[in-house]
Structure formats: C-alpha cells, structure tokens
C-alpha cells in the first residue's frame, strides 16, 4: 500500500482506521527526515496490515501543534484512534516495526 499524504482534511479518516497507523511528521528541509522517509515508504509497501501516512509539518501546522511536535522526524503509532507510541529522531526500520507491533 502506498504512503498516504495526511492533512487536516483526511486525518479523522486515517486516525480512525481499524488497522494500526504509522504517522511520519517531517519537513522537506530536514536531513534526518530524509533518512527515515525511505524506511517509512518500505514499511508501507511491505506491510499492508498498517496504514502509513506522512505529515509535512510546514504545511500541516495544526496537526503538528495537536501532536506537540517539537522536533522532527517524529513517528507516531495510533491504534483505535489513540497514540500508543512515539519516537523523535531517526530510527532504524526494525525499531519502527517494533513500535507498530508493540
């Protein structure tokens, strides 16, 4: 499944998914974000049991503020509409998958 571009307009639909949701808060200018981005893309392609979305913090300031994003990249896992895990900074793919499984 492809990565979803998450905005304030589709956030409610994405976050209410029955599947676990991985959200990648990023910015185009962020070096560590560019390191994490391909890993997030791989997870989306390889694991259809998850919904994977990316949120550009420069364009979606309301969502960034709602999640208290103070540093990027920030990864958030949601299950049943609730945040169950989050991590700030670049992470290896295995650590991101562990967050989703946790």
PDB file of N, CA and C in Angstrom:
ATOM      1  N   UNK A   1       0.846  -1.186   0.000  1.00  0.00           N
ATOM      2  CA  UNK A   1       0.000   0.000   0.000  1.00  0.00           C
ATOM      3  C   UNK A   1       0.886   1.242   0.000  1.00  0.00           C
ATOM      4  N   UNK A   2       0.457   2.236  -0.695  1.00  0.00           N
ATOM      5  CA  UNK A   2       1.233   3.473  -0.790  1.00  0.00           C
ATOM      6  C   UNK A   2       1.105   4.309   0.484  1.00  0.00           C
ATOM      7  N   UNK A   3       2.082   5.161   0.684  1.00  0.00           N
ATOM      8  CA  UNK A   3       2.051   6.097   1.797  1.00  0.00           C
ATOM      9  C   UNK A   3       0.985   7.145   1.508  1.00  0.00           C
ATOM     10  N   UNK A   4       0.205   7.467   2.532  1.00  0.00           N
ATOM     11  CA  UNK A   4      -0.835   8.489   2.394  1.00  0.00           C
ATOM     12  C   UNK A   4      -0.278   9.853   2.777  1.00  0.00           C
ATOM     13  N   UNK A   5      -0.673  10.858   2.034  1.00  0.00           N
ATOM     14  CA  UNK A   5      -0.362  12.242   2.410  1.00  0.00           C
ATOM     15  C   UNK A   5      -1.478  12.670   3.362  1.00  0.00           C
ATOM     16  N   UNK A   6      -1.137  12.827   4.625  1.00  0.00           N
ATOM     17  CA  UNK A   6      -2.141  13.137   5.640  1.00  0.00           C
ATOM     18  C   UNK A   6      -2.227  14.643   5.827  1.00  0.00           C
ATOM     19  N   UNK A   7      -3.450  15.132   5.804  1.00  0.00           N
ATOM     20  CA  UNK A   7      -3.731  16.556   6.017  1.00  0.00           C
ATOM     21  C   UNK A   7      -4.833  16.671   7.065  1.00  0.00           C
ATOM     22  N   UNK A   8      -5.122  17.892   7.466  1.00  0.00           N
ATOM     23  CA  UNK A   8      -6.216  18.075   8.432  1.00  0.00           C
ATOM     24  C   UNK A   8      -7.541  17.612   7.836  1.00  0.00           C
ATOM     25  N   UNK A   9      -7.640  17.598   6.500  1.00  0.00           N
ATOM     26  CA  UNK A   9      -8.886  17.209   5.846  1.00  0.00           C
ATOM     27  C   UNK A   9      -9.145  15.707   5.883  1.00  0.00           C
ATOM     28  N   UNK A  10      -8.089  14.891   5.868  1.00  0.00           N
ATOM     29  CA  UNK A  10      -8.298  13.439   5.881  1.00  0.00           C
ATOM     30  C   UNK A  10      -7.813  12.779   7.175  1.00  0.00           C
ATOM     31  N   UNK A  11      -7.344  13.566   8.136  1.00  0.00           N
ATOM     32  CA  UNK A  11      -6.784  12.999   9.356  1.00  0.00           C
ATOM     33  C   UNK A  11      -7.794  12.148  10.126  1.00  0.00           C
ATOM     34  N   UNK A  12      -9.018  12.603  10.279  1.00  0.00           N
ATOM     35  CA  UNK A  12     -10.011  11.849  11.052  1.00  0.00           C
ATOM     36  C   UNK A  12     -10.230  10.465  10.453  1.00  0.00           C
ATOM     37  N   UNK A  13     -10.300  10.399   9.134  1.00  0.00           N
ATOM     38  CA  UNK A  13     -10.488   9.118   8.463  1.00  0.00           C
ATOM     39  C   UNK A  13      -9.286   8.201   8.682  1.00  0.00           C
ATOM     40  N   UNK A  14      -8.089   8.741   8.546  1.00  0.00           N
ATOM     41  CA  UNK A  14      -6.868   7.948   8.715  1.00  0.00           C
ATOM     42  C   UNK A  14      -6.743   7.467  10.157  1.00  0.00           C
ATOM     43  N   UNK A  15      -6.924   8.353  11.110  1.00  0.00           N
ATOM     44  CA  UNK A  15      -6.690   8.014  12.516  1.00  0.00           C
ATOM     45  C   UNK A  15      -7.737   7.055  13.075  1.00  0.00           C
ATOM     46  N   UNK A  16      -8.895   6.977  12.445  1.00  0.00           N
ATOM     47  CA  UNK A  16      -9.945   6.079  12.939  1.00  0.00           C
ATOM     48  C   UNK A  16      -9.894   4.703  12.281  1.00  0.00           C
ATOM     49  N   UNK A  17      -8.843   4.425  11.542  1.00  0.00           N
ATOM     50  CA  UNK A  17      -8.685   3.141  10.869  1.00  0.00           C
ATOM     51  C   UNK A  17      -8.682   1.995  11.874  1.00  0.00           C
ATOM     52  N   UNK A  18      -9.193   0.851  11.451  1.00  0.00           N
ATOM     53  CA  UNK A  18      -9.142  -0.369  12.273  1.00  0.00           C
ATOM     54  C   UNK A  18      -7.714  -0.922  12.318  1.00  0.00           C
ATOM     55  N   UNK A  19      -6.913  -0.570  11.310  1.00  0.00           N
ATOM     56  CA  UNK A  19      -5.517  -1.010  11.256  1.00  0.00           C
ATOM     57  C   UNK A  19      -4.659  -0.057  12.091  1.00  0.00           C
ATOM     58  N   UNK A  20      -3.544  -0.549  12.632  1.00  0.00           N
ATOM     59  CA  UNK A  20      -2.595   0.370  13.279  1.00  0.00           C
ATOM     60  C   UNK A  20      -2.092   1.403  12.253  1.00  0.00           C
ATOM     61  N   UNK A  21      -1.868   2.619  12.723  1.00  0.00           N
ATOM     62  CA  UNK A  21      -1.472   3.729  11.861  1.00  0.00           C
ATOM     63  C   UNK A  21      -0.092   4.226  12.269  1.00  0.00           C
ATOM     64  N   UNK A  22       0.786   4.376  11.278  1.00  0.00           N
ATOM     65  CA  UNK A  22       2.098   4.997  11.485  1.00  0.00           C
ATOM     66  C   UNK A  22       2.075   6.358  10.821  1.00  0.00           C
ATOM     67  N   UNK A  23       2.361   7.393  11.600  1.00  0.00           N
ATOM     68  CA  UNK A  23       2.428   8.756  11.066  1.00  0.00           C
ATOM     69  C   UNK A  23       3.865   9.262  11.162  1.00  0.00           C
ATOM     70  N   UNK A  24       4.362   9.769  10.048  1.00  0.00           N
ATOM     71  CA  UNK A  24       5.709  10.323   9.969  1.00  0.00           C
ATOM     72  C   UNK A  24       5.584  11.834   9.829  1.00  0.00           C
ATOM     73  N   UNK A  25       5.899  12.562  10.906  1.00  0.00           N
ATOM     74  CA  UNK A  25       5.918  14.024  10.863  1.00  0.00           C
ATOM     75  C   UNK A  25       7.297  14.436  10.363  1.00  0.00           C
ATOM     76  N   UNK A  26       7.337  15.214   9.275  1.00  0.00           N
ATOM     77  CA  UNK A  26       8.604  15.534   8.618  1.00  0.00           C
ATOM     78  C   UNK A  26       8.551  16.926   8.006  1.00  0.00           C
ATOM     79  N   UNK A  27       9.716  17.364   7.503  1.00  0.00           N
ATOM     80  CA  UNK A  27       9.816  18.575   6.685  1.00  0.00           C
ATOM     81  C   UNK A  27      10.807  18.280   5.563  1.00  0.00           C
ATOM     82  N   UNK A  28      10.588  18.900   4.422  1.00  0.00           N
ATOM     83  CA  UNK A  28      11.451  18.662   3.251  1.00  0.00           C
ATOM     84  C   UNK A  28      12.906  19.048   3.502  1.00  0.00           C
ATOM     85  N   UNK A  29      13.131  20.031   4.345  1.00  0.00           N
ATOM     86  CA  UNK A  29      14.482  20.541   4.588  1.00  0.00           C
ATOM     87  C   UNK A  29      15.240  19.751   5.655  1.00  0.00           C
ATOM     88  N   UNK A  30      14.613  18.785   6.279  1.00  0.00           N
ATOM     89  CA  UNK A  30      15.165  18.067   7.433  1.00  0.00           C
ATOM     90  C   UNK A  30      15.993  16.854   6.990  1.00  0.00           C
ATOM     91  N   UNK A  31      17.301  16.884   7.275  1.00  0.00           N
ATOM     92  CA  UNK A  31      18.190  15.787   6.901  1.00  0.00           C
ATOM     93  C   UNK A  31      17.798  14.444   7.504  1.00  0.00           C
ATOM     94  N   UNK A  32      17.604  14.355   8.829  1.00  0.00           N
ATOM     95  CA  UNK A  32      17.188  13.084   9.415  1.00  0.00           C
ATOM     96  C   UNK A  32      15.843  12.586   8.865  1.00  0.00           C
ATOM     97  N   UNK A  33      14.976  13.508   8.504  1.00  0.00           N
ATOM     98  CA  UNK A  33      13.685  13.118   7.909  1.00  0.00           C
ATOM     99  C   UNK A  33      13.911  12.409   6.574  1.00  0.00           C
ATOM    100  N   UNK A  34      14.876  12.899   5.813  1.00  0.00           N
ATOM    101  CA  UNK A  34      15.182  12.280   4.518  1.00  0.00           C
ATOM    102  C   UNK A  34      15.804  10.894   4.702  1.00  0.00           C
ATOM    103  N   UNK A  35      16.402  10.636   5.861  1.00  0.00           N
ATOM    104  CA  UNK A  35      16.939   9.305   6.152  1.00  0.00           C
ATOM    105  C   UNK A  35      15.804   8.341   6.511  1.00  0.00           C
ATOM    106  N   UNK A  36      14.814   8.816   7.234  1.00  0.00           N
ATOM    107  CA  UNK A  36      13.709   7.971   7.693  1.00  0.00           C
ATOM    108  C   UNK A  36      12.686   7.733   6.584  1.00  0.00           C
ATOM    109  N   UNK A  37      12.504   8.688   5.715  1.00  0.00           N
ATOM    110  CA  UNK A  37      11.459   8.619   4.694  1.00  0.00           C
ATOM    111  C   UNK A  37      11.467   7.340   3.865  1.00  0.00           C
ATOM    112  N   UNK A  38      12.628   6.886   3.339  1.00  0.00           N
ATOM    113  CA  UNK A  38      12.608   5.655   2.551  1.00  0.00           C
ATOM    114  C   UNK A  38      12.225   4.424   3.383  1.00  0.00           C
ATOM    115  N   UNK A  39      12.547   4.446   4.669  1.00  0.00           N
ATOM    116  CA  UNK A  39      12.176   3.329   5.543  1.00  0.00           C
ATOM    117  C   UNK A  39      10.670   3.283   5.733  1.00  0.00           C
ATOM    118  N   UNK A  40      10.085   4.452   5.912  1.00  0.00           N
ATOM    119  CA  UNK A  40       8.628   4.544   6.053  1.00  0.00           C
ATOM    120  C   UNK A  40       7.964   4.078   4.757  1.00  0.00           C
ATOM    121  N   UNK A  41       8.517   4.469   3.622  1.00  0.00           N
ATOM    122  CA  UNK A  41       7.985   4.028   2.328  1.00  0.00           C
ATOM    123  C   UNK A  41       8.044   2.502   2.206  1.00  0.00           C
ATOM    124  N   UNK A  42       9.170   1.907   2.622  1.00  0.00           N
ATOM    125  CA  UNK A  42       9.309   0.449   2.568  1.00  0.00           C
ATOM    126  C   UNK A  42       8.279  -0.242   3.442  1.00  0.00           C
ATOM    127  N   UNK A  43       8.072   0.273   4.640  1.00  0.00           N
ATOM    128  CA  UNK A  43       7.081  -0.323   5.547  1.00  0.00           C
ATOM    129  C   UNK A  43       5.702  -0.274   4.911  1.00  0.00           C
ATOM    130  N   UNK A  44       5.369   0.838   4.276  1.00  0.00           N
ATOM    131  CA  UNK A  44       4.057   0.962   3.617  1.00  0.00           C
ATOM    132  C   UNK A  44       3.901  -0.071   2.519  1.00  0.00           C
ATOM    133  N   UNK A  45       4.955  -0.290   1.744  1.00  0.00           N
ATOM    134  CA  UNK A  45       4.888  -1.242   0.628  1.00  0.00           C
ATOM    135  C   UNK A  45       4.866  -2.693   1.102  1.00  0.00           C
ATOM    136  N   UNK A  46       5.593  -2.985   2.158  1.00  0.00           N
ATOM    137  CA  UNK A  46       5.771  -4.369   2.606  1.00  0.00           C
ATOM    138  C   UNK A  46       4.727  -4.846   3.610  1.00  0.00           C
ATOM    139  N   UNK A  47       4.028  -3.920   4.263  1.00  0.00           N
ATOM    140  CA  UNK A  47       3.135  -4.295   5.362  1.00  0.00           C
ATOM    141  C   UNK A  47       1.743  -3.696   5.166  1.00  0.00           C
ATOM    142  N   UNK A  48       0.913  -4.412   4.450  1.00  0.00           N
ATOM    143  CA  UNK A  48      -0.442  -3.926   4.186  1.00  0.00           C
ATOM    144  C   UNK A  48      -1.322  -3.952   5.432  1.00  0.00           C
ATOM    145  N   UNK A  49      -0.823  -4.561   6.516  1.00  0.00           N
ATOM    146  CA  UNK A  49      -1.605  -4.594   7.753  1.00  0.00           C
ATOM    147  C   UNK A  49      -1.560  -3.261   8.498  1.00  0.00           C
ATOM    148  N   UNK A  50      -0.764  -2.311   7.988  1.00  0.00           N
ATOM    149  CA  UNK A  50      -0.659  -0.987   8.591  1.00  0.00           C
ATOM    150  C   UNK A  50      -1.097   0.092   7.612  1.00  0.00           C
ATOM    151  N   UNK A  51      -1.607   1.179   8.168  1.00  0.00           N
ATOM    152  CA  UNK A  51      -1.835   2.408   7.402  1.00  0.00           C
ATOM    153  C   UNK A  51      -0.621   3.291   7.686  1.00  0.00           C
ATOM    154  N   UNK A  52       0.009   3.791   6.637  1.00  0.00           N
ATOM    155  CA  UNK A  52       1.211   4.616   6.799  1.00  0.00           C
ATOM    156  C   UNK A  52       0.962   5.974   6.155  1.00  0.00           C
ATOM    157  N   UNK A  53       1.168   7.024   6.935  1.00  0.00           N
ATOM    158  CA  UNK A  53       0.948   8.368   6.429  1.00  0.00           C
ATOM    159  C   UNK A  53       2.093   9.292   6.782  1.00  0.00           C
ATOM    160  N   UNK A  54       2.257  10.318   5.962  1.00  0.00           N
ATOM    161  CA  UNK A  54       3.275  11.338   6.203  1.00  0.00           C
ATOM    162  C   UNK A  54       2.582  12.689   6.356  1.00  0.00           C
ATOM    163  N   UNK A  55       3.072  13.449   7.321  1.00  0.00           N
ATOM    164  CA  UNK A  55       2.517  14.770   7.604  1.00  0.00           C
ATOM    165  C   UNK A  55       3.641  15.789   7.516  1.00  0.00           C
ATOM    166  N   UNK A  56       3.541  16.696   6.550  1.00  0.00           N
ATOM    167  CA  UNK A  56       4.521  17.763   6.388  1.00  0.00           C
ATOM    168  C   UNK A  56       4.217  18.844   7.424  1.00  0.00           C
ATOM    169  N   UNK A  57       5.113  19.010   8.394  1.00  0.00           N
ATOM    170  CA  UNK A  57       4.845  19.932   9.499  1.00  0.00           C
ATOM    171  C   UNK A  57       4.802  21.391   9.052  1.00  0.00           C
ATOM    172  N   UNK A  58       5.450  21.721   7.930  1.00  0.00           N
ATOM    173  CA  UNK A  58       5.415  23.095   7.431  1.00  0.00           C
ATOM    174  C   UNK A  58       4.068  23.428   6.783  1.00  0.00           C
ATOM    175  N   UNK A  59       3.402  22.406   6.249  1.00  0.00           N
ATOM    176  CA  UNK A  59       2.119  22.627   5.575  1.00  0.00           C
ATOM    177  C   UNK A  59       0.927  22.292   6.458  1.00  0.00           C
ATOM    178  N   UNK A  60       1.150  21.446   7.454  1.00  0.00           N
ATOM    179  CA  UNK A  60       0.059  20.992   8.329  1.00  0.00           C
ATOM    180  C   UNK A  60       0.369  21.393   9.774  1.00  0.00           C
ATOM    181  N   UNK A  61       0.479  22.714   9.978  1.00  0.00           N
ATOM    182  CA  UNK A  61       0.870  23.218  11.296  1.00  0.00           C
ATOM    183  C   UNK A  61      -0.149  22.850  12.378  1.00  0.00           C
ATOM    184  N   UNK A  62      -1.436  22.798  12.027  1.00  0.00           N
ATOM    185  CA  UNK A  62      -2.450  22.450  13.027  1.00  0.00           C
ATOM    186  C   UNK A  62      -2.232  21.035  13.564  1.00  0.00           C
ATOM    187  N   UNK A  63      -1.943  20.089  12.680  1.00  0.00           N
ATOM    188  CA  UNK A  63      -1.695  18.710  13.120  1.00  0.00           C
ATOM    189  C   UNK A  63      -0.399  18.625  13.921  1.00  0.00           C
ATOM    190  N   UNK A  64       0.622  19.329  13.467  1.00  0.00           N
ATOM    191  CA  UNK A  64       1.896  19.322  14.199  1.00  0.00           C
ATOM    192  C   UNK A  64       1.694  19.864  15.609  1.00  0.00           C
ATOM    193  N   UNK A  65       0.928  20.928  15.738  1.00  0.00           N
ATOM    194  CA  UNK A  65       0.659  21.503  17.060  1.00  0.00           C
ATOM    195  C   UNK A  65      -0.183  20.551  17.900  1.00  0.00           C
ATOM    196  N   UNK A  66      -1.179  19.918  17.295  1.00  0.00           N
ATOM    197  CA  UNK A  66      -2.049  18.997  18.029  1.00  0.00           C
ATOM    198  C   UNK A  66      -1.267  17.824  18.615  1.00  0.00           C
ATOM    199  N   UNK A  67      -0.211  17.401  17.922  1.00  0.00           N
ATOM    200  CA  UNK A  67       0.612  16.290  18.395  1.00  0.00           C
ATOM    201  C   UNK A  67       1.829  16.755  19.194  1.00  0.00           C
ATOM    202  N   UNK A  68       1.956  18.058  19.388  1.00  0.00           N
ATOM    203  CA  UNK A  68       3.059  18.587  20.171  1.00  0.00           C
ATOM    204  C   UNK A  68       4.420  18.347  19.552  1.00  0.00           C
ATOM    205  N   UNK A  69       4.478  18.407  18.228  1.00  0.00           N
ATOM    206  CA  UNK A  69       5.745  18.165  17.535  1.00  0.00           C
ATOM    207  C   UNK A  69       6.698  19.319  17.832  1.00  0.00           C
ATOM    208  N   UNK A  70       7.807  18.975  18.482  1.00  0.00           N
ATOM    209  CA  UNK A  70       8.814  19.994  18.786  1.00  0.00           C
ATOM    210  C   UNK A  70      10.131  19.700  18.088  1.00  0.00           C
ATOM    211  N   UNK A  71      10.280  18.492  17.572  1.00  0.00           N
ATOM    212  CA  UNK A  71      11.473  18.089  16.857  1.00  0.00           C
ATOM    213  C   UNK A  71      11.073  17.032  15.833  1.00  0.00           C
ATOM    214  N   UNK A  72      11.776  17.026  14.707  1.00  0.00           N
ATOM    215  CA  UNK A  72      11.450  16.073  13.650  1.00  0.00           C
ATOM    216  C   UNK A  72      12.709  15.345  13.211  1.00  0.00           C
ATOM    217  N   UNK A  73      12.576  14.176  12.633  1.00  0.00           N
ATOM    218  CA  UNK A  73      11.327  13.471  12.388  1.00  0.00           C
ATOM    219  C   UNK A  73      10.710  12.972  13.695  1.00  0.00           C
ATOM    220  N   UNK A  74       9.397  12.916  13.695  1.00  0.00           N
ATOM    221  CA  UNK A  74       8.671  12.338  14.817  1.00  0.00           C
ATOM    222  C   UNK A  74       7.737  11.275  14.250  1.00  0.00           C
ATOM    223  N   UNK A  75       7.839  10.073  14.774  1.00  0.00           N
ATOM    224  CA  UNK A  75       6.993   8.970  14.350  1.00  0.00           C
ATOM    225  C   UNK A  75       5.970   8.692  15.436  1.00  0.00           C
ATOM    226  N   UNK A  76       4.723   8.524  15.022  1.00  0.00           N
ATOM    227  CA  UNK A  76       3.634   8.260  15.951  1.00  0.00           C
ATOM    228  C   UNK A  76       2.887   7.023  15.492  1.00  0.00           C
ATOM    229  N   UNK A  77       2.590   6.139  16.441  1.00  0.00           N
ATOM    230  CA  UNK A  77       1.754   4.973  16.163  1.00  0.00           C
ATOM    231  C   UNK A  77       0.424   5.180  16.866  1.00  0.00           C
ATOM    232  N   UNK A  78      -0.653   4.973  16.104  1.00  0.00           N
ATOM    233  CA  UNK A  78      -2.002   5.078  16.663  1.00  0.00           C
ATOM    234  C   UNK A  78      -2.731   3.755  16.463  1.00  0.00           C
ATOM    235  N   UNK A  79      -3.459   3.358  17.497  1.00  0.00           N
ATOM    236  CA  UNK A  79      -4.325   2.179  17.411  1.00  0.00           C
ATOM    237  C   UNK A  79      -5.668   2.561  18.007  1.00  0.00           C
ATOM    238  N   UNK A  80      -6.726   2.259  17.274  1.00  0.00           N
ATOM    239  CA  UNK A  80      -8.079   2.603  17.711  1.00  0.00           C
ATOM    240  C   UNK A  80      -8.212   4.085  18.046  1.00  0.00           C
ATOM    241  N   UNK A  81      -7.551   4.928  17.265  1.00  0.00           N
ATOM    242  CA  UNK A  81      -7.660   6.368  17.428  1.00  0.00           C
ATOM    243  C   UNK A  81      -6.826   6.952  18.556  1.00  0.00           C
ATOM    244  N   UNK A  82      -6.039   6.126  19.241  1.00  0.00           N
ATOM    245  CA  UNK A  82      -5.231   6.593  20.362  1.00  0.00           C
ATOM    246  C   UNK A  82      -3.744   6.425  20.060  1.00  0.00           C
ATOM    247  N   UNK A  83      -2.941   7.380  20.515  1.00  0.00           N
ATOM    248  CA  UNK A  83      -1.500   7.276  20.360  1.00  0.00           C
ATOM    249  C   UNK A  83      -0.992   6.193  21.316  1.00  0.00           C
ATOM    250  N   UNK A  84      -0.287   5.201  20.767  1.00  0.00           N
ATOM    251  CA  UNK A  84       0.254   4.122  21.595  1.00  0.00           C
ATOM    252  C   UNK A  84       1.769   4.174  21.691  1.00  0.00           C
ATOM    253  N   UNK A  85       2.408   4.882  20.774  1.00  0.00           N
ATOM    254  CA  UNK A  85       3.871   5.012  20.805  1.00  0.00           C
ATOM    255  C   UNK A  85       4.280   6.209  19.971  1.00  0.00           C
ATOM    256  N   UNK A  86       5.421   6.791  20.345  1.00  0.00           N
ATOM    257  CA  UNK A  86       6.006   7.842  19.510  1.00  0.00           C
ATOM    258  C   UNK A  86       7.509   7.868  19.737  1.00  0.00           C
ATOM    259  N   UNK A  87       8.212   8.351  18.741  1.00  0.00           N
ATOM    260  CA  UNK A  87       9.667   8.458  18.821  1.00  0.00           C
ATOM    261  C   UNK A  87      10.107   9.690  18.048  1.00  0.00           C
ATOM    262  N   UNK A  88      11.103  10.361  18.588  1.00  0.00           N
ATOM    263  CA  UNK A  88      11.665  11.543  17.932  1.00  0.00           C
ATOM    264  C   UNK A  88      13.056  11.196  17.443  1.00  0.00           C
ATOM    265  N   UNK A  89      13.357  11.601  16.221  1.00  0.00           N
ATOM    266  CA  UNK A  89      14.667  11.352  15.643  1.00  0.00           C
ATOM    267  C   UNK A  89      14.658  10.148  14.730  1.00  0.00           C
ATOM    268  N   UNK A  90      15.740  10.000  13.982  1.00  0.00           N
ATOM    269  CA  UNK A  90      15.856   8.893  13.037  1.00  0.00           C
ATOM    270  C   UNK A  90      15.913   7.574  13.792  1.00  0.00           C
ATOM    271  N   UNK A  91      15.237   6.572  13.237  1.00  0.00           N
ATOM    272  CA  UNK A  91      15.197   5.232  13.808  1.00  0.00           C
ATOM    273  C   UNK A  91      15.449   4.220  12.703  1.00  0.00           C
ATOM    274  N   UNK A  92      16.055   3.079  13.033  1.00  0.00           N
ATOM    275  CA  UNK A  92      16.179   2.025  12.029  1.00  0.00           C
ATOM    276  C   UNK A  92      14.810   1.401  11.759  1.00  0.00           C
ATOM    277  N   UNK A  93      14.706   0.763  10.625  1.00  0.00           N
ATOM    278  CA  UNK A  93      13.441   0.145  10.223  1.00  0.00           C
ATOM    279  C   UNK A  93      12.938  -0.843  11.272  1.00  0.00           C
ATOM    280  N   UNK A  94      13.839  -1.621  11.831  1.00  0.00           N
ATOM    281  CA  UNK A  94      13.442  -2.614  12.832  1.00  0.00           C
ATOM    282  C   UNK A  94      12.794  -1.954  14.051  1.00  0.00           C
ATOM    283  N   UNK A  95      13.303  -0.810  14.466  1.00  0.00           N
ATOM    284  CA  UNK A  95      12.748  -0.091  15.621  1.00  0.00           C
ATOM    285  C   UNK A  95      11.360   0.467  15.287  1.00  0.00           C
ATOM    286  N   UNK A  96      11.181   0.922  14.072  1.00  0.00           N
ATOM    287  CA  UNK A  96       9.871   1.443  13.661  1.00  0.00           C
ATOM    288  C   UNK A  96       8.859   0.312  13.640  1.00  0.00           C
ATOM    289  N   UNK A  97       9.250  -0.848  13.114  1.00  0.00           N
ATOM    290  CA  UNK A  97       8.346  -2.003  13.100  1.00  0.00           C
ATOM    291  C   UNK A  97       8.027  -2.462  14.519  1.00  0.00           C
ATOM    292  N   UNK A  98       9.001  -2.416  15.414  1.00  0.00           N
ATOM    293  CA  UNK A  98       8.748  -2.772  16.812  1.00  0.00           C
ATOM    294  C   UNK A  98       7.717  -1.852  17.439  1.00  0.00           C
ATOM    295  N   UNK A  99       7.776  -0.560  17.094  1.00  0.00           N
ATOM    296  CA  UNK A  99       6.767   0.383  17.601  1.00  0.00           C
ATOM    297  C   UNK A  99       5.378  -0.039  17.133  1.00  0.00           C
ATOM    298  N   UNK A 100       5.263  -0.429  15.879  1.00  0.00           N
ATOM    299  CA  UNK A 100       3.968  -0.820  15.324  1.00  0.00           C
ATOM    300  C   UNK A 100       3.448  -2.110  15.964  1.00  0.00           C
ATOM    301  N   UNK A 101       4.334  -3.033  16.232  1.00  0.00           N
ATOM    302  CA  UNK A 101       3.927  -4.325  16.807  1.00  0.00           C
ATOM    303  C   UNK A 101       3.651  -4.209  18.299  1.00  0.00           C
ATOM    304  N   UNK A 102       4.327  -3.249  18.962  1.00  0.00           N
ATOM    305  CA  UNK A 102       4.252  -3.101  20.418  1.00  0.00           C
ATOM    306  C   UNK A 102       2.888  -2.830  20.887  1.00  0.00           C
TER     307      UNK A 102
END
